[in-house]
């Protein structure tokens, strides 16, 4: 009993159990297979951004601090002694 690959794939797909999920982002009900958690790719991307938002903000602040440091002269700026003012 030799089955061609596409027929075998069809049989395997028919054996998968469907499950109903409720999207944690928008609340929509969806039917999925396996590890599906979100109703759409758009909701999955929104969830990813929500999980990584604080890291992205932190990286943005670091980039701004580095840019400000470079704009002020960075490591090549003349150093002031402690207690001196730059009048």
PDB file of N, CA and C in Angstrom:
ATOM      1  N   UNK A   1       0.835  -1.169   0.000  1.00  0.00           N
ATOM      2  CA  UNK A   1       0.000   0.000   0.000  1.00  0.00           C
ATOM      3  C   UNK A   1       0.888   1.244   0.000  1.00  0.00           C
ATOM      4  N   UNK A   2       1.259   1.689  -1.143  1.00  0.00           N
ATOM      5  CA  UNK A   2       2.050   2.910  -1.289  1.00  0.00           C
ATOM      6  C   UNK A   2       1.131   4.084  -1.568  1.00  0.00           C
ATOM      7  N   UNK A   3       1.250   5.090  -0.725  1.00  0.00           N
ATOM      8  CA  UNK A   3       0.467   6.305  -0.929  1.00  0.00           C
ATOM      9  C   UNK A   3       1.394   7.400  -1.435  1.00  0.00           C
ATOM     10  N   UNK A   4       0.873   8.193  -2.334  1.00  0.00           N
ATOM     11  CA  UNK A   4       1.688   9.321  -2.776  1.00  0.00           C
ATOM     12  C   UNK A   4       1.725  10.348  -1.643  1.00  0.00           C
ATOM     13  N   UNK A   5       2.753  11.174  -1.622  1.00  0.00           N
ATOM     14  CA  UNK A   5       2.927  12.112  -0.497  1.00  0.00           C
ATOM     15  C   UNK A   5       1.738  13.042  -0.262  1.00  0.00           C
ATOM     16  N   UNK A   6       1.095  13.500  -1.325  1.00  0.00           N
ATOM     17  CA  UNK A   6      -0.022  14.420  -1.109  1.00  0.00           C
ATOM     18  C   UNK A   6      -1.219  13.708  -0.472  1.00  0.00           C
ATOM     19  N   UNK A   7      -1.445  12.463  -0.830  1.00  0.00           N
ATOM     20  CA  UNK A   7      -2.542  11.705  -0.215  1.00  0.00           C
ATOM     21  C   UNK A   7      -2.244  11.438   1.258  1.00  0.00           C
ATOM     22  N   UNK A   8      -1.009  11.110   1.557  1.00  0.00           N
ATOM     23  CA  UNK A   8      -0.604  10.885   2.941  1.00  0.00           C
ATOM     24  C   UNK A   8      -0.781  12.172   3.766  1.00  0.00           C
ATOM     25  N   UNK A   9      -0.413  13.307   3.187  1.00  0.00           N
ATOM     26  CA  UNK A   9      -0.584  14.594   3.872  1.00  0.00           C
ATOM     27  C   UNK A   9      -2.053  14.878   4.129  1.00  0.00           C
ATOM     28  N   UNK A  10      -2.907  14.569   3.171  1.00  0.00           N
ATOM     29  CA  UNK A  10      -4.351  14.770   3.358  1.00  0.00           C
ATOM     30  C   UNK A  10      -4.879  13.922   4.506  1.00  0.00           C
ATOM     31  N   UNK A  11      -4.431  12.681   4.582  1.00  0.00           N
ATOM     32  CA  UNK A  11      -4.887  11.797   5.647  1.00  0.00           C
ATOM     33  C   UNK A  11      -4.412  12.289   7.014  1.00  0.00           C
ATOM     34  N   UNK A  12      -3.171  12.743   7.079  1.00  0.00           N
ATOM     35  CA  UNK A  12      -2.660  13.267   8.346  1.00  0.00           C
ATOM     36  C   UNK A  12      -3.411  14.534   8.763  1.00  0.00           C
ATOM     37  N   UNK A  13      -3.699  15.405   7.807  1.00  0.00           N
ATOM     38  CA  UNK A  13      -4.424  16.631   8.110  1.00  0.00           C
ATOM     39  C   UNK A  13      -5.828  16.328   8.614  1.00  0.00           C
ATOM     40  N   UNK A  14      -6.449  15.296   8.098  1.00  0.00           N
ATOM     41  CA  UNK A  14      -7.806  14.931   8.511  1.00  0.00           C
ATOM     42  C   UNK A  14      -7.827  14.419   9.952  1.00  0.00           C
ATOM     43  N   UNK A  15      -6.711  13.895  10.452  1.00  0.00           N
ATOM     44  CA  UNK A  15      -6.654  13.357  11.804  1.00  0.00           C
ATOM     45  C   UNK A  15      -6.394  14.429  12.860  1.00  0.00           C
ATOM     46  N   UNK A  16      -5.986  15.621  12.449  1.00  0.00           N
ATOM     47  CA  UNK A  16      -5.703  16.683  13.416  1.00  0.00           C
ATOM     48  C   UNK A  16      -6.991  17.110  14.107  1.00  0.00           C
ATOM     49  N   UNK A  17      -6.869  17.364  15.376  1.00  0.00           N
ATOM     50  CA  UNK A  17      -8.018  17.790  16.152  1.00  0.00           C
ATOM     51  C   UNK A  17      -8.084  19.321  16.134  1.00  0.00           C
ATOM     52  N   UNK A  18      -9.236  19.837  15.803  1.00  0.00           N
ATOM     53  CA  UNK A  18      -9.454  21.272  15.812  1.00  0.00           C
ATOM     54  C   UNK A  18      -9.818  21.716  17.224  1.00  0.00           C
ATOM     55  N   UNK A  19      -9.408  22.908  17.580  1.00  0.00           N
ATOM     56  CA  UNK A  19      -9.788  23.441  18.886  1.00  0.00           C
ATOM     57  C   UNK A  19     -10.250  24.875  18.716  1.00  0.00           C
ATOM     58  N   UNK A  20     -11.156  25.264  19.568  1.00  0.00           N
ATOM     59  CA  UNK A  20     -11.674  26.623  19.525  1.00  0.00           C
ATOM     60  C   UNK A  20     -10.855  27.466  20.498  1.00  0.00           C
ATOM     61  N   UNK A  21     -10.367  28.615  20.021  1.00  0.00           N
ATOM     62  CA  UNK A  21      -9.590  29.518  20.864  1.00  0.00           C
ATOM     63  C   UNK A  21     -10.261  30.889  20.878  1.00  0.00           C
ATOM     64  N   UNK A  22     -10.052  31.610  21.950  1.00  0.00           N
ATOM     65  CA  UNK A  22     -10.512  32.985  22.042  1.00  0.00           C
ATOM     66  C   UNK A  22      -9.255  33.840  22.061  1.00  0.00           C
ATOM     67  N   UNK A  23      -9.155  34.727  21.100  1.00  0.00           N
ATOM     68  CA  UNK A  23      -7.983  35.581  20.939  1.00  0.00           C
ATOM     69  C   UNK A  23      -7.829  36.484  22.166  1.00  0.00           C
ATOM     70  N   UNK A  24      -6.663  36.460  22.828  1.00  0.00           N
ATOM     71  CA  UNK A  24      -6.469  37.312  24.002  1.00  0.00           C
ATOM     72  C   UNK A  24      -6.331  38.798  23.664  1.00  0.00           C
ATOM     73  N   UNK A  25      -6.126  39.130  22.398  1.00  0.00           N
ATOM     74  CA  UNK A  25      -5.964  40.529  21.997  1.00  0.00           C
ATOM     75  C   UNK A  25      -7.308  41.182  21.697  1.00  0.00           C
ATOM     76  N   UNK A  26      -8.102  40.537  20.834  1.00  0.00           N
ATOM     77  CA  UNK A  26      -9.365  41.183  20.410  1.00  0.00           C
ATOM     78  C   UNK A  26     -10.613  40.457  20.909  1.00  0.00           C
ATOM     79  N   UNK A  27     -10.470  39.252  21.460  1.00  0.00           N
ATOM     80  CA  UNK A  27     -11.617  38.526  21.996  1.00  0.00           C
ATOM     81  C   UNK A  27     -12.403  37.732  20.960  1.00  0.00           C
ATOM     82  N   UNK A  28     -11.920  37.687  19.723  1.00  0.00           N
ATOM     83  CA  UNK A  28     -12.601  36.956  18.661  1.00  0.00           C
ATOM     84  C   UNK A  28     -12.418  35.459  18.849  1.00  0.00           C
ATOM     85  N   UNK A  29     -13.466  34.694  18.566  1.00  0.00           N
ATOM     86  CA  UNK A  29     -13.350  33.235  18.608  1.00  0.00           C
ATOM     87  C   UNK A  29     -12.811  32.755  17.264  1.00  0.00           C
ATOM     88  N   UNK A  30     -11.894  31.803  17.321  1.00  0.00           N
ATOM     89  CA  UNK A  30     -11.312  31.256  16.098  1.00  0.00           C
ATOM     90  C   UNK A  30     -11.111  29.757  16.292  1.00  0.00           C
ATOM     91  N   UNK A  31     -11.084  29.040  15.199  1.00  0.00           N
ATOM     92  CA  UNK A  31     -10.831  27.604  15.253  1.00  0.00           C
ATOM     93  C   UNK A  31      -9.421  27.379  14.756  1.00  0.00           C
ATOM     94  N   UNK A  32      -8.636  26.661  15.549  1.00  0.00           N
ATOM     95  CA  UNK A  32      -7.243  26.458  15.200  1.00  0.00           C
ATOM     96  C   UNK A  32      -6.794  25.025  15.411  1.00  0.00           C
ATOM     97  N   UNK A  33      -5.562  24.799  14.997  1.00  0.00           N
ATOM     98  CA  UNK A  33      -4.941  23.493  15.127  1.00  0.00           C
ATOM     99  C   UNK A  33      -3.618  23.692  15.861  1.00  0.00           C
ATOM    100  N   UNK A  34      -3.284  22.790  16.751  1.00  0.00           N
ATOM    101  CA  UNK A  34      -1.981  22.850  17.400  1.00  0.00           C
ATOM    102  C   UNK A  34      -1.885  23.960  18.429  1.00  0.00           C
ATOM    103  N   UNK A  35      -0.843  24.786  18.291  1.00  0.00           N
ATOM    104  CA  UNK A  35      -0.554  25.810  19.296  1.00  0.00           C
ATOM    105  C   UNK A  35      -1.179  27.162  18.993  1.00  0.00           C
ATOM    106  N   UNK A  36      -2.129  27.222  18.142  1.00  0.00           N
ATOM    107  CA  UNK A  36      -2.723  28.511  17.763  1.00  0.00           C
ATOM    108  C   UNK A  36      -3.270  29.223  18.998  1.00  0.00           C
ATOM    109  N   UNK A  37      -2.917  30.487  19.126  1.00  0.00           N
ATOM    110  CA  UNK A  37      -3.362  31.278  20.265  1.00  0.00           C
ATOM    111  C   UNK A  37      -4.164  32.490  19.827  1.00  0.00           C
ATOM    112  N   UNK A  38      -3.820  33.066  18.680  1.00  0.00           N
ATOM    113  CA  UNK A  38      -4.436  34.306  18.211  1.00  0.00           C
ATOM    114  C   UNK A  38      -5.311  34.029  16.998  1.00  0.00           C
ATOM    115  N   UNK A  39      -6.256  34.921  16.757  1.00  0.00           N
ATOM    116  CA  UNK A  39      -7.191  34.719  15.653  1.00  0.00           C
ATOM    117  C   UNK A  39      -6.572  35.052  14.309  1.00  0.00           C
ATOM    118  N   UNK A  40      -5.577  35.933  14.297  1.00  0.00           N
ATOM    119  CA  UNK A  40      -4.985  36.362  13.028  1.00  0.00           C
ATOM    120  C   UNK A  40      -3.519  36.709  13.230  1.00  0.00           C
ATOM    121  N   UNK A  41      -2.824  36.877  12.128  1.00  0.00           N
ATOM    122  CA  UNK A  41      -1.426  37.296  12.169  1.00  0.00           C
ATOM    123  C   UNK A  41      -1.305  38.697  12.767  1.00  0.00           C
ATOM    124  N   UNK A  42      -2.282  39.545  12.489  1.00  0.00           N
ATOM    125  CA  UNK A  42      -2.274  40.910  13.022  1.00  0.00           C
ATOM    126  C   UNK A  42      -2.307  40.896  14.554  1.00  0.00           C
ATOM    127  N   UNK A  43      -3.146  40.064  15.143  1.00  0.00           N
ATOM    128  CA  UNK A  43      -3.219  39.983  16.606  1.00  0.00           C
ATOM    129  C   UNK A  43      -1.938  39.383  17.181  1.00  0.00           C
ATOM    130  N   UNK A  44      -1.344  38.421  16.486  1.00  0.00           N
ATOM    131  CA  UNK A  44      -0.089  37.847  16.941  1.00  0.00           C
ATOM    132  C   UNK A  44       1.013  38.905  16.955  1.00  0.00           C
ATOM    133  N   UNK A  45       1.037  39.756  15.935  1.00  0.00           N
ATOM    134  CA  UNK A  45       2.040  40.829  15.889  1.00  0.00           C
ATOM    135  C   UNK A  45       1.804  41.857  16.988  1.00  0.00           C
ATOM    136  N   UNK A  46       0.539  42.184  17.233  1.00  0.00           N
ATOM    137  CA  UNK A  46       0.234  43.128  18.325  1.00  0.00           C
ATOM    138  C   UNK A  46       0.705  42.570  19.661  1.00  0.00           C
ATOM    139  N   UNK A  47       0.480  41.286  19.886  1.00  0.00           N
ATOM    140  CA  UNK A  47       0.900  40.662  21.138  1.00  0.00           C
ATOM    141  C   UNK A  47       2.418  40.696  21.258  1.00  0.00           C
ATOM    142  N   UNK A  48       3.123  40.435  20.152  1.00  0.00           N
ATOM    143  CA  UNK A  48       4.587  40.462  20.175  1.00  0.00           C
ATOM    144  C   UNK A  48       5.078  41.856  20.546  1.00  0.00           C
ATOM    145  N   UNK A  49       4.477  42.886  19.942  1.00  0.00           N
ATOM    146  CA  UNK A  49       4.893  44.251  20.247  1.00  0.00           C
ATOM    147  C   UNK A  49       4.582  44.614  21.695  1.00  0.00           C
ATOM    148  N   UNK A  50       3.472  44.153  22.221  1.00  0.00           N
ATOM    149  CA  UNK A  50       3.145  44.442  23.621  1.00  0.00           C
ATOM    150  C   UNK A  50       4.151  43.778  24.551  1.00  0.00           C
ATOM    151  N   UNK A  51       4.567  42.551  24.210  1.00  0.00           N
ATOM    152  CA  UNK A  51       5.548  41.859  25.043  1.00  0.00           C
ATOM    153  C   UNK A  51       6.920  42.521  24.972  1.00  0.00           C
ATOM    154  N   UNK A  52       7.255  43.111  23.833  1.00  0.00           N
ATOM    155  CA  UNK A  52       8.588  43.660  23.636  1.00  0.00           C
ATOM    156  C   UNK A  52       8.637  45.186  23.698  1.00  0.00           C
ATOM    157  N   UNK A  53       7.543  45.840  23.996  1.00  0.00           N
ATOM    158  CA  UNK A  53       7.478  47.299  23.970  1.00  0.00           C
ATOM    159  C   UNK A  53       8.460  47.929  24.953  1.00  0.00           C
ATOM    160  N   UNK A  54       8.534  47.425  26.172  1.00  0.00           N
ATOM    161  CA  UNK A  54       9.415  48.042  27.161  1.00  0.00           C
ATOM    162  C   UNK A  54      10.880  47.890  26.740  1.00  0.00           C
ATOM    163  N   UNK A  55      11.229  46.768  26.143  1.00  0.00           N
ATOM    164  CA  UNK A  55      12.595  46.579  25.680  1.00  0.00           C
ATOM    165  C   UNK A  55      12.902  47.550  24.538  1.00  0.00           C
ATOM    166  N   UNK A  56      11.965  47.745  23.625  1.00  0.00           N
ATOM    167  CA  UNK A  56      12.165  48.662  22.508  1.00  0.00           C
ATOM    168  C   UNK A  56      12.300  50.091  23.024  1.00  0.00           C
ATOM    169  N   UNK A  57      11.499  50.467  24.007  1.00  0.00           N
ATOM    170  CA  UNK A  57      11.589  51.812  24.573  1.00  0.00           C
ATOM    171  C   UNK A  57      12.939  52.007  25.257  1.00  0.00           C
ATOM    172  N   UNK A  58      13.393  50.987  25.983  1.00  0.00           N
ATOM    173  CA  UNK A  58      14.678  51.076  26.669  1.00  0.00           C
ATOM    174  C   UNK A  58      15.813  51.226  25.652  1.00  0.00           C
ATOM    175  N   UNK A  59      15.745  50.467  24.569  1.00  0.00           N
ATOM    176  CA  UNK A  59      16.766  50.582  23.534  1.00  0.00           C
ATOM    177  C   UNK A  59      16.720  51.951  22.876  1.00  0.00           C
ATOM    178  N   UNK A  60      15.527  52.494  22.690  1.00  0.00           N
ATOM    179  CA  UNK A  60      15.392  53.833  22.129  1.00  0.00           C
ATOM    180  C   UNK A  60      15.993  54.886  23.041  1.00  0.00           C
ATOM    181  N   UNK A  61      15.811  54.752  24.339  1.00  0.00           N
ATOM    182  CA  UNK A  61      16.387  55.700  25.290  1.00  0.00           C
ATOM    183  C   UNK A  61      17.903  55.606  25.284  1.00  0.00           C
ATOM    184  N   UNK A  62      18.444  54.385  25.202  1.00  0.00           N
ATOM    185  CA  UNK A  62      19.893  54.216  25.145  1.00  0.00           C
ATOM    186  C   UNK A  62      20.453  54.842  23.873  1.00  0.00           C
ATOM    187  N   UNK A  63      19.756  54.659  22.763  1.00  0.00           N
ATOM    188  CA  UNK A  63      20.217  55.238  21.503  1.00  0.00           C
ATOM    189  C   UNK A  63      20.205  56.764  21.587  1.00  0.00           C
ATOM    190  N   UNK A  64      19.188  57.343  22.224  1.00  0.00           N
ATOM    191  CA  UNK A  64      19.119  58.792  22.392  1.00  0.00           C
ATOM    192  C   UNK A  64      20.253  59.283  23.282  1.00  0.00           C
ATOM    193  N   UNK A  65      20.526  58.548  24.354  1.00  0.00           N
ATOM    194  CA  UNK A  65      21.609  58.938  25.263  1.00  0.00           C
ATOM    195  C   UNK A  65      22.955  58.895  24.539  1.00  0.00           C
ATOM    196  N   UNK A  66      23.173  57.889  23.735  1.00  0.00           N
ATOM    197  CA  UNK A  66      24.422  57.782  22.980  1.00  0.00           C
ATOM    198  C   UNK A  66      24.534  58.921  21.977  1.00  0.00           C
ATOM    199  N   UNK A  67      23.426  59.225  21.304  1.00  0.00           N
ATOM    200  CA  UNK A  67      23.436  60.318  20.330  1.00  0.00           C
ATOM    201  C   UNK A  67      23.731  61.647  21.024  1.00  0.00           C
ATOM    202  N   UNK A  68      23.119  61.884  22.179  1.00  0.00           N
ATOM    203  CA  UNK A  68      23.374  63.111  22.929  1.00  0.00           C
ATOM    204  C   UNK A  68      24.828  63.182  23.370  1.00  0.00           C
ATOM    205  N   UNK A  69      25.376  62.071  23.807  1.00  0.00           N
ATOM    206  CA  UNK A  69      26.771  62.012  24.237  1.00  0.00           C
ATOM    207  C   UNK A  69      27.694  62.339  23.072  1.00  0.00           C
ATOM    208  N   UNK A  70      27.391  61.784  21.884  1.00  0.00           N
ATOM    209  CA  UNK A  70      28.207  62.073  20.705  1.00  0.00           C
ATOM    210  C   UNK A  70      28.057  63.529  20.283  1.00  0.00           C
ATOM    211  N   UNK A  71      26.853  64.097  20.395  1.00  0.00           N
ATOM    212  CA  UNK A  71      26.628  65.492  20.033  1.00  0.00           C
ATOM    213  C   UNK A  71      27.381  66.441  20.967  1.00  0.00           C
ATOM    214  N   UNK A  72      27.569  66.031  22.219  1.00  0.00           N
ATOM    215  CA  UNK A  72      28.298  66.857  23.187  1.00  0.00           C
ATOM    216  C   UNK A  72      29.813  66.723  23.037  1.00  0.00           C
ATOM    217  N   UNK A  73      30.265  65.939  22.120  1.00  0.00           N
ATOM    218  CA  UNK A  73      31.696  65.774  21.908  1.00  0.00           C
ATOM    219  C   UNK A  73      32.190  64.389  22.250  1.00  0.00           C
ATOM    220  N   UNK A  74      31.392  63.626  22.971  1.00  0.00           N
ATOM    221  CA  UNK A  74      31.756  62.247  23.285  1.00  0.00           C
ATOM    222  C   UNK A  74      33.063  62.151  24.038  1.00  0.00           C
ATOM    223  N   UNK A  75      33.870  61.181  23.691  1.00  0.00           N
ATOM    224  CA  UNK A  75      35.125  60.938  24.382  1.00  0.00           C
ATOM    225  C   UNK A  75      36.183  61.959  23.995  1.00  0.00           C
ATOM    226  N   UNK A  76      35.968  62.712  22.904  1.00  0.00           N
ATOM    227  CA  UNK A  76      36.965  63.677  22.458  1.00  0.00           C
ATOM    228  C   UNK A  76      36.762  65.058  23.048  1.00  0.00           C
ATOM    229  N   UNK A  77      35.695  65.246  23.814  1.00  0.00           N
ATOM    230  CA  UNK A  77      35.423  66.553  24.421  1.00  0.00           C
ATOM    231  C   UNK A  77      36.450  66.830  25.511  1.00  0.00           C
ATOM    232  N   UNK A  78      36.867  68.089  25.667  1.00  0.00           N
ATOM    233  CA  UNK A  78      37.813  68.413  26.739  1.00  0.00           C
ATOM    234  C   UNK A  78      37.186  68.136  28.099  1.00  0.00           C
ATOM    235  N   UNK A  79      37.950  67.513  28.972  1.00  0.00           N
ATOM    236  CA  UNK A  79      37.460  67.136  30.291  1.00  0.00           C
ATOM    237  C   UNK A  79      37.635  68.302  31.250  1.00  0.00           C
ATOM    238  N   UNK A  80      36.657  68.510  32.114  1.00  0.00           N
ATOM    239  CA  UNK A  80      36.729  69.551  33.131  1.00  0.00           C
ATOM    240  C   UNK A  80      37.093  68.910  34.461  1.00  0.00           C
ATOM    241  N   UNK A  81      37.875  69.592  35.222  1.00  0.00           N
ATOM    242  CA  UNK A  81      38.194  69.094  36.563  1.00  0.00           C
ATOM    243  C   UNK A  81      36.965  69.267  37.441  1.00  0.00           C
ATOM    244  N   UNK A  82      36.849  68.426  38.436  1.00  0.00           N
ATOM    245  CA  UNK A  82      35.715  68.498  39.337  1.00  0.00           C
ATOM    246  C   UNK A  82      35.772  69.817  40.104  1.00  0.00           C
ATOM    247  N   UNK A  83      34.665  70.517  40.161  1.00  0.00           N
ATOM    248  CA  UNK A  83      34.589  71.781  40.873  1.00  0.00           C
ATOM    249  C   UNK A  83      34.762  72.986  39.974  1.00  0.00           C
ATOM    250  N   UNK A  84      35.290  72.806  38.759  1.00  0.00           N
ATOM    251  CA  UNK A  84      35.437  73.932  37.830  1.00  0.00           C
ATOM    252  C   UNK A  84      34.122  74.191  37.158  1.00  0.00           C
ATOM    253  N   UNK A  85      33.859  75.419  36.858  1.00  0.00           N
ATOM    254  CA  UNK A  85      32.656  75.760  36.115  1.00  0.00           C
ATOM    255  C   UNK A  85      33.047  76.156  34.721  1.00  0.00           C
ATOM    256  N   UNK A  86      32.117  76.048  33.802  1.00  0.00           N
ATOM    257  CA  UNK A  86      32.421  76.361  32.404  1.00  0.00           C
ATOM    258  C   UNK A  86      31.865  77.720  32.032  1.00  0.00           C
ATOM    259  N   UNK A  87      32.208  78.771  32.773  1.00  0.00           N
ATOM    260  CA  UNK A  87      31.704  80.123  32.495  1.00  0.00           C
ATOM    261  C   UNK A  87      32.274  80.698  31.255  1.00  0.00           C
TER     262      UNK A  87
END
